[in-house]
Protein backbone atom coordinates (compact mmCIF):
# COMPACT_ATOMS: atom_id res chain seq x y z
CA MET A 1 113.34 145.51 91.91
CA ARG A 2 115.72 143.02 93.48
CA PHE A 3 113.00 141.44 95.57
CA TRP A 4 110.72 140.66 92.60
CA THR A 5 112.73 137.62 91.53
CA ARG A 6 112.56 136.19 95.05
CA GLU A 7 108.84 136.76 95.19
CA ILE A 8 108.19 135.18 91.79
CA ILE A 9 110.33 132.15 92.63
CA GLY A 10 108.54 131.90 95.99
CA TRP A 11 105.14 131.80 94.29
CA LEU A 12 106.43 129.18 91.85
CA LEU A 13 107.66 127.04 94.74
CA ILE A 14 104.30 127.35 96.48
CA ALA A 15 102.58 126.23 93.28
CA ALA A 16 105.01 123.32 92.96
CA GLY A 17 104.38 122.32 96.58
CA LEU A 18 100.63 122.39 96.04
CA TYR A 19 101.08 120.31 92.90
CA LEU A 20 103.07 117.76 94.89
CA PHE A 21 100.27 117.62 97.46
CA PHE A 22 97.81 117.01 94.64
CA VAL A 23 100.01 114.20 93.29
CA VAL A 24 100.14 112.62 96.75
CA TYR A 25 96.36 112.88 97.00
CA ALA A 26 95.99 111.30 93.56
CA ILE A 27 98.33 108.48 94.56
CA LEU A 28 96.34 107.79 97.72
CA VAL A 29 92.84 107.76 96.18
CA THR A 30 93.55 105.22 93.44
CA ASP A 31 92.30 101.65 93.51
CA ARG A 32 95.64 100.45 94.88
CA PRO A 33 97.01 103.33 97.05
CA LEU A 34 100.79 103.52 97.24
CA ILE A 35 101.11 104.37 100.91
CA LEU A 36 104.86 103.90 101.27
CA GLU A 37 105.63 105.92 98.15
CA SER A 38 103.43 108.82 99.22
CA GLY A 39 105.29 109.45 102.50
CA PRO A 40 108.57 110.78 101.08
CA LEU A 41 106.70 112.70 98.40
CA THR A 42 104.62 114.38 101.10
CA LEU A 43 107.78 115.39 102.95
CA ILE A 44 109.25 116.82 99.74
CA GLY A 45 106.02 118.76 99.14
CA ILE A 46 106.15 120.23 102.66
CA ILE A 47 109.75 121.33 102.22
CA VAL A 48 109.10 122.90 98.80
CA PHE A 49 105.94 124.66 100.03
CA ARG A 50 107.65 126.07 103.13
CA GLY A 51 110.61 127.19 101.04
CA GLY A 52 108.25 129.18 98.84
CA ILE A 53 106.60 130.78 101.86
CA HIS A 54 110.02 131.69 103.23
CA LEU A 55 111.08 133.33 99.96
CA ILE A 56 107.89 135.41 99.90
CA LYS A 57 108.52 136.51 103.51
CA VAL A 58 112.07 137.53 102.64
CA ALA A 59 110.92 139.45 99.55
CA THR A 60 108.28 141.29 101.59
CA ALA A 61 110.81 142.18 104.27
CA ALA A 62 113.23 143.45 101.61
CA ARG A 63 110.51 145.64 100.11
CA ILE A 64 109.63 147.07 103.54
CA CYS A 65 113.30 147.77 104.29
CA LEU A 66 113.76 149.57 100.98
CA HIS A 67 110.76 151.79 101.64
CA ALA A 68 111.90 152.50 105.21
CA HIS A 69 115.44 153.27 104.05
CA ALA A 70 114.12 155.66 101.40
CA ASN A 71 112.14 157.53 104.06
CA VAL A 72 115.10 157.79 106.44
CA VAL A 73 117.70 158.88 103.90
CA LYS A 74 115.68 161.71 102.36
CA PRO A 75 117.83 164.83 102.05
CA HIS A 76 116.78 167.40 104.58
CA GLU A 77 116.48 171.01 103.59
CA PRO A 78 118.67 173.32 105.61
CA ALA A 79 116.86 175.33 108.24
CA PRO A 80 116.16 178.91 107.23
CA ARG A 81 118.70 181.34 108.62
CA ARG A 82 117.55 183.76 111.21
CA GLU A 83 118.93 187.20 111.18
CA THR A 84 120.46 187.98 114.53
CA ALA A 85 119.71 191.29 116.12
CA VAL A 86 122.74 193.39 116.83
CA ARG A 87 122.87 194.42 120.46
CA ALA A 88 124.25 197.79 121.24
CA GLY A 89 125.53 196.95 124.67
CA PRO A 90 124.41 196.02 128.17
CA PRO A 91 121.01 197.14 129.33
CA VAL A 92 120.72 200.63 130.77
CA ASP A 93 119.38 199.41 134.13
CA TRP A 94 122.74 198.15 135.33
């Protein structure tokens, strides 16, 4: 469950990054586009978007590691004991 918070925050950051891209688009398609103001906002949107993607990658890797660890650490059942045959002595052919 530890990875769920990272994944949720990652999706929220992706949504925030997409919203910032929409704001930049809205700034640029107005009657008087604010070109200089949209540059830094675009850079901020890229950083926020990539941060969200990174958090989702980390959460997915954590989930895979937990599943792999659970498969490796499973308790093994002890092997069934074989009854050993009691040998009487050396073979007669000697």
